[in-house]
């Protein structure tokens, strides 16, 4: 119930921001700040490092994870 309430509040807030000129300005400002932060070299280095780590880890974890999923599938049916 709590999740549905938060979703409803978020939807109402989003609708208000999308329909008012001040809201569109705020959303535009947020988009510009996020784009600026995303473009920073230190952020991109961090993202690249995480991507490399995930690429290295997924093959190691993928096999046991697939086996565990296969064990759970018949129980779910």
C-alpha atoms as a PDB file:
ATOM      1  CA  UNK A   1       0.000   0.000   0.000  1.00  0.00           C
ATOM      2  CA  UNK A   2       2.833   2.363   0.841  1.00  0.00           C
ATOM      3  CA  UNK A   3       4.403   1.838  -2.587  1.00  0.00           C
ATOM      4  CA  UNK A   4       1.138   2.627  -4.359  1.00  0.00           C
ATOM      5  CA  UNK A   5       0.765   5.813  -2.354  1.00  0.00           C
ATOM      6  CA  UNK A   6       4.288   6.931  -3.201  1.00  0.00           C
ATOM      7  CA  UNK A   7       3.683   6.100  -6.866  1.00  0.00           C
ATOM      8  CA  UNK A   8       0.503   8.183  -6.859  1.00  0.00           C
ATOM      9  CA  UNK A   9       2.255  11.121  -5.195  1.00  0.00           C
ATOM     10  CA  UNK A  10       5.086  10.869  -7.732  1.00  0.00           C
ATOM     11  CA  UNK A  11       2.654  10.783 -10.645  1.00  0.00           C
ATOM     12  CA  UNK A  12       0.792  13.834  -9.368  1.00  0.00           C
ATOM     13  CA  UNK A  13       4.043  15.714  -8.792  1.00  0.00           C
ATOM     14  CA  UNK A  14       5.255  14.797 -12.274  1.00  0.00           C
ATOM     15  CA  UNK A  15       2.007  15.946 -13.827  1.00  0.00           C
ATOM     16  CA  UNK A  16       2.234  19.286 -12.039  1.00  0.00           C
ATOM     17  CA  UNK A  17       5.840  19.798 -13.142  1.00  0.00           C
ATOM     18  CA  UNK A  18       5.009  18.833 -16.727  1.00  0.00           C
ATOM     19  CA  UNK A  19       2.033  21.189 -17.066  1.00  0.00           C
ATOM     20  CA  UNK A  20       3.248  24.416 -15.506  1.00  0.00           C
ATOM     21  CA  UNK A  21       5.828  26.744 -17.059  1.00  0.00           C
ATOM     22  CA  UNK A  22       7.750  26.914 -13.780  1.00  0.00           C
ATOM     23  CA  UNK A  23       7.706  23.133 -13.558  1.00  0.00           C
ATOM     24  CA  UNK A  24       9.052  22.755 -17.082  1.00  0.00           C
ATOM     25  CA  UNK A  25      11.828  25.226 -16.214  1.00  0.00           C
ATOM     26  CA  UNK A  26      12.734  23.210 -13.109  1.00  0.00           C
ATOM     27  CA  UNK A  27      12.731  19.964 -15.095  1.00  0.00           C
ATOM     28  CA  UNK A  28      14.907  21.588 -17.765  1.00  0.00           C
ATOM     29  CA  UNK A  29      17.339  22.851 -15.139  1.00  0.00           C
ATOM     30  CA  UNK A  30      17.558  19.379 -13.590  1.00  0.00           C
ATOM     31  CA  UNK A  31      18.173  17.805 -17.014  1.00  0.00           C
ATOM     32  CA  UNK A  32      20.964  20.299 -17.715  1.00  0.00           C
ATOM     33  CA  UNK A  33      22.623  19.652 -14.355  1.00  0.00           C
ATOM     34  CA  UNK A  34      22.411  15.880 -14.793  1.00  0.00           C
ATOM     35  CA  UNK A  35      23.818  16.112 -18.329  1.00  0.00           C
ATOM     36  CA  UNK A  36      26.656  18.274 -17.034  1.00  0.00           C
ATOM     37  CA  UNK A  37      27.430  15.878 -14.204  1.00  0.00           C
ATOM     38  CA  UNK A  38      27.224  12.855 -16.501  1.00  0.00           C
ATOM     39  CA  UNK A  39      29.696  14.421 -18.895  1.00  0.00           C
ATOM     40  CA  UNK A  40      32.368  15.010 -16.256  1.00  0.00           C
ATOM     41  CA  UNK A  41      35.534  12.948 -16.797  1.00  0.00           C
ATOM     42  CA  UNK A  42      35.661  11.603 -13.242  1.00  0.00           C
ATOM     43  CA  UNK A  43      32.074  10.341 -13.509  1.00  0.00           C
ATOM     44  CA  UNK A  44      32.828   8.685 -16.841  1.00  0.00           C
ATOM     45  CA  UNK A  45      35.940   7.017 -15.380  1.00  0.00           C
ATOM     46  CA  UNK A  46      33.842   5.636 -12.543  1.00  0.00           C
ATOM     47  CA  UNK A  47      31.151   4.384 -14.919  1.00  0.00           C
ATOM     48  CA  UNK A  48      33.760   2.790 -17.144  1.00  0.00           C
ATOM     49  CA  UNK A  49      35.348   1.067 -14.151  1.00  0.00           C
ATOM     50  CA  UNK A  50      31.994  -0.300 -13.030  1.00  0.00           C
ATOM     51  CA  UNK A  51      31.230  -1.534 -16.540  1.00  0.00           C
ATOM     52  CA  UNK A  52      34.581  -3.323 -16.713  1.00  0.00           C
ATOM     53  CA  UNK A  53      34.004  -4.877 -13.311  1.00  0.00           C
ATOM     54  CA  UNK A  54      30.566  -6.119 -14.328  1.00  0.00           C
ATOM     55  CA  UNK A  55      31.949  -7.586 -17.562  1.00  0.00           C
ATOM     56  CA  UNK A  56      34.575  -9.456 -15.547  1.00  0.00           C
ATOM     57  CA  UNK A  57      32.168 -10.630 -12.855  1.00  0.00           C
ATOM     58  CA  UNK A  58      29.186 -11.741 -14.942  1.00  0.00           C
ATOM     59  CA  UNK A  59      30.906 -14.779 -16.486  1.00  0.00           C
ATOM     60  CA  UNK A  60      31.990 -15.921 -13.023  1.00  0.00           C
ATOM     61  CA  UNK A  61      28.563 -15.446 -11.464  1.00  0.00           C
ATOM     62  CA  UNK A  62      26.490 -16.292 -14.545  1.00  0.00           C
ATOM     63  CA  UNK A  63      26.876 -20.074 -14.370  1.00  0.00           C
ATOM     64  CA  UNK A  64      25.861 -20.542 -10.726  1.00  0.00           C
ATOM     65  CA  UNK A  65      23.067 -18.007 -11.160  1.00  0.00           C
ATOM     66  CA  UNK A  66      21.673 -19.869 -14.181  1.00  0.00           C
ATOM     67  CA  UNK A  67      21.858 -23.162 -12.273  1.00  0.00           C
ATOM     68  CA  UNK A  68      19.984 -21.642  -9.343  1.00  0.00           C
ATOM     69  CA  UNK A  69      17.316 -20.275 -11.685  1.00  0.00           C
ATOM     70  CA  UNK A  70      16.893 -23.698 -13.304  1.00  0.00           C
ATOM     71  CA  UNK A  71      16.329 -25.240  -9.865  1.00  0.00           C
ATOM     72  CA  UNK A  72      13.698 -22.641  -8.994  1.00  0.00           C
ATOM     73  CA  UNK A  73      11.769 -22.769 -12.294  1.00  0.00           C
ATOM     74  CA  UNK A  74      10.153 -26.195 -11.774  1.00  0.00           C
ATOM     75  CA  UNK A  75       9.119 -25.236  -8.248  1.00  0.00           C
ATOM     76  CA  UNK A  76       7.408 -22.099  -9.537  1.00  0.00           C
ATOM     77  CA  UNK A  77       5.241 -24.024 -12.037  1.00  0.00           C
END
